[in-house]
N, C-alpha and C. Protein backbone atom coordinates (compact mmCIF):
# COMPACT_ATOMS: atom_id res chain seq x y z
N UNK A 1 -111.99 -53.23 -27.37
CA UNK A 1 -110.83 -52.86 -27.06
C UNK A 1 -109.95 -53.81 -27.30
N UNK A 2 -108.51 -53.40 -27.20
CA UNK A 2 -107.28 -54.09 -27.54
C UNK A 2 -105.83 -54.07 -27.04
N UNK A 3 -105.21 -54.69 -26.66
CA UNK A 3 -104.13 -54.65 -26.54
C UNK A 3 -103.14 -53.83 -27.03
N UNK A 4 -102.46 -52.80 -26.98
CA UNK A 4 -102.00 -52.11 -27.72
C UNK A 4 -100.50 -52.26 -27.74
N UNK A 5 -99.78 -52.49 -26.38
CA UNK A 5 -98.50 -52.33 -25.57
C UNK A 5 -98.40 -53.02 -24.52
N UNK A 6 -97.62 -53.59 -24.67
CA UNK A 6 -97.00 -54.47 -23.11
C UNK A 6 -95.67 -53.87 -22.89
N UNK A 7 -95.05 -53.79 -21.58
CA UNK A 7 -93.83 -52.89 -21.06
C UNK A 7 -93.04 -53.96 -20.28
N UNK A 8 -92.03 -54.13 -20.88
CA UNK A 8 -91.11 -55.20 -19.78
C UNK A 8 -90.00 -54.79 -19.21
N UNK A 9 -89.10 -54.86 -17.82
CA UNK A 9 -88.16 -54.32 -17.76
C UNK A 9 -86.89 -54.87 -18.33
N UNK A 10 -86.36 -54.58 -18.78
CA UNK A 10 -84.95 -54.88 -19.12
C UNK A 10 -83.79 -53.74 -18.78
N UNK A 11 -82.91 -53.87 -18.21
CA UNK A 11 -81.90 -53.77 -16.92
C UNK A 11 -80.63 -53.18 -18.28
N UNK A 12 -80.51 -54.04 -18.86
CA UNK A 12 -79.43 -54.17 -20.16
C UNK A 12 -80.32 -54.38 -21.56
N UNK A 13 -80.45 -53.41 -22.28
CA UNK A 13 -80.64 -53.43 -23.47
C UNK A 13 -80.73 -54.13 -24.56
N UNK A 14 -79.03 -53.92 -24.54
CA UNK A 14 -78.40 -54.62 -25.65
C UNK A 14 -78.63 -56.38 -25.03
N UNK A 15 -78.40 -56.84 -24.17
CA UNK A 15 -79.05 -58.51 -24.05
C UNK A 15 -80.14 -58.23 -24.12
N UNK A 16 -81.19 -58.10 -23.38
CA UNK A 16 -82.67 -58.08 -23.61
C UNK A 16 -82.74 -57.73 -25.22
N UNK A 17 -82.68 -57.02 -26.10
CA UNK A 17 -83.11 -56.94 -27.63
C UNK A 17 -82.28 -58.38 -28.06
N UNK A 18 -80.63 -59.26 -27.33
CA UNK A 18 -80.93 -60.11 -28.23
C UNK A 18 -81.85 -61.31 -27.89
N UNK A 19 -81.94 -61.08 -27.04
CA UNK A 19 -82.78 -62.64 -25.75
C UNK A 19 -83.92 -62.53 -26.90
N UNK A 20 -84.85 -61.52 -26.67
CA UNK A 20 -85.79 -61.39 -27.59
C UNK A 20 -85.75 -61.81 -28.88
N UNK A 21 -84.89 -61.05 -29.83
CA UNK A 21 -84.88 -61.36 -31.28
C UNK A 21 -84.71 -63.13 -30.86
N UNK A 22 -83.67 -63.67 -30.30
CA UNK A 22 -83.31 -64.84 -30.61
C UNK A 22 -85.19 -65.82 -30.12
N UNK A 23 -85.75 -65.47 -28.73
CA UNK A 23 -86.97 -65.88 -28.56
C UNK A 23 -87.78 -65.79 -29.32
N UNK A 24 -88.07 -64.97 -29.90
CA UNK A 24 -89.21 -64.29 -31.18
C UNK A 24 -89.10 -64.64 -32.51
N UNK A 25 -88.06 -64.88 -33.05
CA UNK A 25 -87.39 -65.09 -34.45
C UNK A 25 -87.51 -63.68 -35.09
N UNK A 26 -87.35 -62.88 -34.28
CA UNK A 26 -87.84 -61.57 -35.10
C UNK A 26 -87.03 -60.49 -34.99
N UNK A 27 -86.60 -59.79 -35.51
CA UNK A 27 -85.40 -58.68 -34.98
C UNK A 27 -86.46 -57.07 -34.83
N UNK A 28 -85.76 -56.37 -34.13
CA UNK A 28 -86.10 -55.15 -33.33
C UNK A 28 -86.81 -55.06 -34.01
N UNK A 29 -87.89 -54.10 -34.15
CA UNK A 29 -88.80 -53.05 -35.07
C UNK A 29 -88.40 -51.46 -34.98
N UNK A 30 -88.04 -51.34 -33.79
CA UNK A 30 -87.39 -49.97 -33.56
C UNK A 30 -86.81 -49.98 -32.22
N UNK A 31 -85.86 -49.07 -31.67
CA UNK A 31 -84.53 -48.62 -30.62
C UNK A 31 -84.96 -47.14 -30.55
N UNK A 32 -84.89 -46.66 -29.02
CA UNK A 32 -84.32 -45.43 -28.95
C UNK A 32 -83.53 -45.56 -27.76
N UNK A 33 -82.27 -45.33 -28.11
CA UNK A 33 -81.76 -45.38 -26.79
C UNK A 33 -79.98 -43.93 -26.83
N UNK A 34 -80.52 -43.48 -26.02
CA UNK A 34 -81.47 -43.23 -24.89
C UNK A 34 -82.53 -42.47 -25.77
N UNK A 35 -83.85 -43.15 -24.64
CA UNK A 35 -83.67 -43.00 -23.40
C UNK A 35 -83.62 -44.91 -22.83
N UNK A 36 -83.48 -45.69 -23.57
CA UNK A 36 -83.64 -46.98 -23.48
C UNK A 36 -84.56 -47.85 -23.65
N UNK A 37 -85.40 -47.85 -25.02
CA UNK A 37 -86.35 -48.61 -25.27
C UNK A 37 -86.33 -48.89 -26.46
N UNK A 38 -87.12 -50.18 -26.49
CA UNK A 38 -87.09 -51.06 -27.78
C UNK A 38 -88.11 -51.95 -28.45
N UNK A 39 -88.71 -51.71 -29.59
CA UNK A 39 -89.75 -52.68 -29.49
C UNK A 39 -90.08 -53.37 -30.45
N UNK A 40 -90.81 -54.62 -30.30
CA UNK A 40 -91.05 -55.83 -31.27
C UNK A 40 -92.50 -55.68 -31.72
N UNK A 41 -92.67 -55.79 -32.65
CA UNK A 41 -94.17 -56.28 -33.40
C UNK A 41 -94.72 -57.59 -33.11
N UNK A 42 -95.42 -57.72 -32.53
CA UNK A 42 -96.46 -58.57 -32.16
C UNK A 42 -97.79 -59.04 -32.63
N UNK A 43 -98.10 -59.48 -33.85
CA UNK A 43 -99.50 -59.24 -34.14
C UNK A 43 -99.65 -57.74 -34.43
N UNK A 44 -100.64 -57.42 -33.48
CA UNK A 44 -100.93 -56.06 -33.61
C UNK A 44 -100.58 -54.92 -32.05
N UNK A 45 -99.70 -56.07 -30.95
CA UNK A 45 -99.37 -55.01 -29.88
C UNK A 45 -98.02 -54.95 -29.95
N UNK A 46 -97.29 -54.22 -29.21
CA UNK A 46 -96.14 -53.80 -28.89
C UNK A 46 -95.56 -54.79 -28.07
N UNK A 47 -94.54 -55.21 -28.19
CA UNK A 47 -93.62 -55.13 -26.82
C UNK A 47 -92.37 -54.80 -26.52
N UNK A 48 -92.75 -53.36 -25.41
CA UNK A 48 -91.98 -52.48 -24.81
C UNK A 48 -90.86 -53.20 -24.40
N UNK A 49 -89.36 -53.19 -24.58
CA UNK A 49 -88.63 -53.29 -23.60
C UNK A 49 -87.62 -52.08 -23.23
N UNK A 50 -87.78 -51.84 -21.59
CA UNK A 50 -87.55 -50.34 -21.27
C UNK A 50 -86.76 -51.07 -19.91
N UNK A 51 -86.25 -49.93 -19.62
CA UNK A 51 -84.98 -49.96 -19.08
C UNK A 51 -85.69 -49.51 -17.68
N UNK A 52 -86.69 -48.79 -17.45
CA UNK A 52 -87.41 -48.12 -16.33
C UNK A 52 -88.80 -49.12 -16.21
N UNK A 53 -89.33 -49.69 -16.91
CA UNK A 53 -90.89 -50.50 -17.01
C UNK A 53 -90.50 -51.57 -15.65
N UNK A 54 -91.38 -51.70 -14.71
CA UNK A 54 -91.56 -52.97 -13.95
C UNK A 54 -91.46 -53.84 -14.31
N UNK A 55 -91.01 -55.12 -13.96
CA UNK A 55 -91.32 -56.79 -14.64
C UNK A 55 -92.84 -57.09 -14.51
N UNK A 56 -93.22 -57.90 -15.91
CA UNK A 56 -94.51 -58.25 -16.21
C UNK A 56 -94.35 -59.67 -16.41
N UNK A 57 -95.34 -60.20 -16.34
CA UNK A 57 -95.78 -61.73 -16.63
C UNK A 57 -96.51 -61.91 -18.16
N UNK A 58 -95.41 -62.10 -19.03
CA UNK A 58 -96.01 -62.33 -20.19
C UNK A 58 -96.10 -63.41 -20.84
N UNK A 59 -97.41 -63.80 -21.97
CA UNK A 59 -97.29 -65.35 -22.14
C UNK A 59 -97.25 -65.38 -23.35
N UNK A 60 -96.70 -66.12 -24.10
CA UNK A 60 -96.40 -66.15 -25.12
C UNK A 60 -96.59 -67.83 -26.29
N UNK A 61 -97.38 -67.37 -26.94
CA UNK A 61 -97.87 -68.58 -27.91
C UNK A 61 -96.72 -69.05 -28.27
N UNK A 62 -96.98 -70.52 -28.52
CA UNK A 62 -95.47 -71.25 -29.03
C UNK A 62 -96.36 -72.63 -29.81
N UNK A 63 -95.82 -73.42 -30.73
CA UNK A 63 -97.01 -73.92 -31.43
C UNK A 63 -96.26 -75.21 -30.41
N UNK A 64 -95.39 -76.06 -29.84
CA UNK A 64 -95.39 -76.59 -29.18
C UNK A 64 -94.41 -76.33 -28.11
N UNK A 65 -95.23 -76.63 -26.68
CA UNK A 65 -94.36 -76.05 -25.43
C UNK A 65 -93.36 -77.36 -25.19
N UNK A 66 -93.36 -78.25 -25.19
CA UNK A 66 -92.29 -79.00 -24.90
C UNK A 66 -91.23 -79.05 -25.94
N UNK A 67 -91.14 -78.88 -27.31
CA UNK A 67 -90.09 -78.70 -28.50
C UNK A 67 -89.92 -77.10 -27.85
N UNK A 68 -90.98 -76.59 -27.53
CA UNK A 68 -89.90 -74.76 -27.23
C UNK A 68 -88.66 -74.98 -26.32
N UNK A 69 -89.33 -75.69 -25.20
CA UNK A 69 -88.29 -75.63 -24.10
C UNK A 69 -87.20 -76.30 -24.24
N UNK A 70 -87.49 -77.30 -24.79
CA UNK A 70 -85.96 -78.28 -25.35
C UNK A 70 -84.89 -77.88 -26.00
N UNK A 71 -85.35 -76.66 -26.88
CA UNK A 71 -84.38 -75.65 -27.86
C UNK A 71 -84.01 -75.07 -27.09
N UNK A 72 -84.85 -74.13 -26.02
CA UNK A 72 -84.11 -73.14 -24.93
C UNK A 72 -83.44 -74.04 -24.17
N UNK A 73 -83.58 -74.74 -23.50
CA UNK A 73 -82.42 -75.30 -22.52
C UNK A 73 -81.57 -75.60 -23.21
N UNK A 74 -81.28 -76.10 -24.45
CA UNK A 74 -79.98 -76.62 -25.50
C UNK A 74 -79.37 -74.83 -25.47
N UNK A 75 -79.81 -74.24 -25.50
CA UNK A 75 -79.55 -72.65 -25.54
C UNK A 75 -78.97 -72.09 -24.09
N UNK A 76 -78.93 -72.56 -22.96
CA UNK A 76 -78.72 -72.40 -22.08
C UNK A 76 -79.98 -71.56 -21.32
N UNK A 77 -80.87 -71.55 -21.34
CA UNK A 77 -82.33 -70.39 -21.12
C UNK A 77 -82.42 -71.05 -19.55
N UNK A 78 -82.76 -70.93 -18.53
CA UNK A 78 -83.44 -70.96 -17.72
C UNK A 78 -84.56 -71.37 -17.74
N UNK A 79 -85.21 -72.84 -17.53
CA UNK A 79 -86.25 -73.14 -17.44
C UNK A 79 -86.82 -73.07 -15.45
N UNK A 80 -87.94 -71.91 -15.67
CA UNK A 80 -88.32 -71.83 -14.49
C UNK A 80 -89.32 -72.74 -13.58
N UNK A 81 -90.34 -73.20 -14.96
CA UNK A 81 -91.38 -74.54 -14.60
C UNK A 81 -91.46 -75.48 -15.77
N UNK A 82 -91.60 -76.31 -16.02
CA UNK A 82 -91.04 -77.39 -16.77
C UNK A 82 -92.74 -77.46 -17.72
N UNK A 83 -93.17 -78.03 -18.66
CA UNK A 83 -94.15 -77.50 -19.47
C UNK A 83 -95.12 -79.00 -19.04
N UNK A 84 -96.43 -78.45 -18.65
CA UNK A 84 -97.14 -78.68 -17.78
C UNK A 84 -99.05 -79.01 -18.48
N UNK A 85 -99.57 -79.68 -18.34
CA UNK A 85 -101.04 -78.93 -18.61
C UNK A 85 -101.76 -78.51 -17.47
N UNK A 86 -102.25 -77.23 -18.26
CA UNK A 86 -102.74 -76.50 -17.05
C UNK A 86 -104.18 -76.58 -17.23
N UNK A 87 -105.14 -76.90 -18.08
CA UNK A 87 -106.41 -76.69 -17.87
C UNK A 87 -107.05 -77.67 -19.52
N UNK A 88 -107.67 -78.22 -19.33
CA UNK A 88 -108.41 -79.15 -20.16
C UNK A 88 -109.53 -78.52 -20.93
N UNK A 89 -109.58 -77.60 -21.85
CA UNK A 89 -110.86 -76.89 -22.38
C UNK A 89 -112.28 -77.98 -22.69
N UNK A 90 -113.17 -77.95 -21.71
CA UNK A 90 -114.49 -78.81 -22.28
C UNK A 90 -115.30 -78.24 -23.34
N UNK A 91 -115.30 -76.60 -22.89
CA UNK A 91 -115.60 -76.12 -24.29
C UNK A 91 -114.76 -74.89 -24.67
N UNK A 92 -115.31 -73.82 -25.53
CA UNK A 92 -114.47 -72.54 -26.07
C UNK A 92 -114.41 -71.34 -25.26
N UNK A 93 -114.69 -71.56 -23.98
CA UNK A 93 -114.71 -70.11 -23.05
C UNK A 93 -113.43 -69.47 -23.41
N UNK A 94 -112.67 -70.42 -22.93
CA UNK A 94 -111.18 -69.96 -22.63
C UNK A 94 -109.87 -70.10 -23.52
N UNK A 95 -110.46 -71.53 -24.18
CA UNK A 95 -109.62 -71.67 -25.64
C UNK A 95 -109.91 -72.92 -26.59
N UNK A 96 -109.39 -73.77 -27.38
CA UNK A 96 -110.11 -74.23 -28.14
C UNK A 96 -110.75 -75.77 -27.41
N UNK A 97 -112.10 -75.95 -27.85
CA UNK A 97 -112.72 -77.24 -27.45
C UNK A 97 -112.26 -78.12 -27.70
N UNK A 98 -111.94 -79.33 -26.48
CA UNK A 98 -111.46 -80.13 -26.92
C UNK A 98 -109.94 -80.64 -26.53
N UNK A 99 -109.34 -79.39 -25.95
CA UNK A 99 -107.58 -79.49 -25.99
C UNK A 99 -107.18 -79.30 -24.82
N UNK A 100 -106.09 -79.26 -25.00
CA UNK A 100 -105.63 -79.14 -23.38
C UNK A 100 -104.76 -77.88 -23.81
N UNK A 101 -104.23 -77.10 -22.38
CA UNK A 101 -103.70 -76.29 -22.30
C UNK A 101 -102.60 -76.22 -21.68
N UNK A 102 -101.36 -76.16 -22.54
CA UNK A 102 -99.90 -76.56 -21.99
C UNK A 102 -99.01 -75.30 -21.92
N UNK A 103 -98.44 -75.31 -20.68
CA UNK A 103 -97.73 -73.68 -20.23
C UNK A 103 -96.68 -74.33 -19.80
N UNK A 104 -95.52 -73.70 -19.58
CA UNK A 104 -94.00 -73.49 -19.49
C UNK A 104 -93.86 -72.13 -18.82
N UNK A 105 -92.89 -71.88 -18.23
CA UNK A 105 -92.15 -70.79 -17.72
C UNK A 105 -90.54 -71.02 -17.89
N UNK A 106 -90.07 -69.29 -18.03
CA UNK A 106 -88.58 -69.44 -18.65
C UNK A 106 -88.27 -68.19 -17.63
N UNK A 107 -86.97 -68.20 -18.02
CA UNK A 107 -86.32 -66.68 -16.75
C UNK A 107 -85.50 -65.73 -18.43
N UNK A 108 -85.87 -64.82 -18.38
CA UNK A 108 -85.35 -63.91 -19.91
C UNK A 108 -84.04 -63.62 -19.06
N UNK A 109 -82.93 -62.95 -19.99
CA UNK A 109 -81.88 -62.63 -19.82
C UNK A 109 -82.01 -61.64 -18.56
N UNK A 110 -83.07 -60.56 -18.26
CA UNK A 110 -82.96 -59.86 -16.85
C UNK A 110 -83.79 -60.50 -16.12
N UNK A 111 -84.16 -61.54 -15.89
CA UNK A 111 -84.63 -62.49 -15.17
C UNK A 111 -85.72 -62.37 -14.44
N UNK A 112 -86.74 -61.72 -15.73
CA UNK A 112 -87.98 -61.53 -15.65
C UNK A 112 -89.11 -62.89 -15.86
N UNK A 113 -90.06 -63.49 -16.04
CA UNK A 113 -90.82 -64.78 -16.12
C UNK A 113 -91.28 -64.45 -17.19
N UNK A 114 -91.40 -65.52 -18.10
CA UNK A 114 -92.11 -65.42 -19.20
C UNK A 114 -92.47 -66.83 -19.75
N UNK A 115 -94.02 -67.04 -19.46
CA UNK A 115 -94.87 -67.92 -20.05
C UNK A 115 -94.83 -68.42 -21.39
N UNK A 116 -94.76 -69.37 -21.45
CA UNK A 116 -95.13 -70.28 -22.99
C UNK A 116 -96.09 -71.23 -23.15
N UNK A 117 -97.09 -70.66 -24.02
CA UNK A 117 -98.51 -71.54 -23.79
C UNK A 117 -98.21 -72.16 -25.18
N UNK A 118 -99.21 -73.52 -25.13
CA UNK A 118 -99.43 -74.31 -26.68
C UNK A 118 -101.06 -74.90 -26.16
N UNK A 119 -101.21 -75.87 -27.26
CA UNK A 119 -102.93 -76.25 -27.34
C UNK A 119 -102.16 -77.73 -28.15
N UNK A 120 -102.77 -78.61 -27.53
CA UNK A 120 -102.84 -79.75 -27.90
C UNK A 120 -103.90 -80.81 -27.67
N UNK A 121 -104.61 -81.32 -28.62
CA UNK A 121 -105.73 -82.37 -28.65
C UNK A 121 -105.93 -83.27 -27.64
N UNK A 122 -106.82 -82.96 -26.53
CA UNK A 122 -107.02 -84.27 -25.50
C UNK A 122 -107.07 -85.21 -26.06
N UNK A 123 -106.16 -86.41 -25.57
CA UNK A 123 -106.68 -87.39 -25.17
C UNK A 123 -107.43 -88.44 -24.19
N UNK A 124 -109.18 -88.59 -24.90
CA UNK A 124 -110.07 -89.00 -23.45
C UNK A 124 -109.74 -90.32 -22.68
N UNK A 125 -108.76 -90.67 -23.60
CA UNK A 125 -108.30 -92.21 -22.62
C UNK A 125 -107.28 -91.81 -21.64
N UNK A 126 -106.32 -90.33 -21.59
CA UNK A 126 -105.40 -89.99 -20.78
C UNK A 126 -105.99 -89.21 -19.66
N UNK A 127 -107.19 -89.01 -19.33
CA UNK A 127 -108.05 -88.40 -18.24
C UNK A 127 -108.31 -88.69 -17.28
């Protein structure tokens, strides 16, 4: 089984599309307004922006959480939670073995929380 689609609330569809185009670095794939739907293709998963969807907590993989947060802060995007290590992977059960999982949280244009995730090699001297 795979995730096909994730829906996210978009009160103002134009504003939300512009935000996610900038955040994701891609153009909207399809838009139907009315009824107020916009789709982005993220690998094999569709991100649906929908005027009537509930808010979801979406986690997006980025190359470097710290650099991403710096870039987003410079654009005036609200940082909800600063980058921090949430887990050190001893094995590959939930992520790459020997790497730290970093996360930060931002607010999108619609007030939804979005998680940013990256991995970095652990320094055993810092544990």
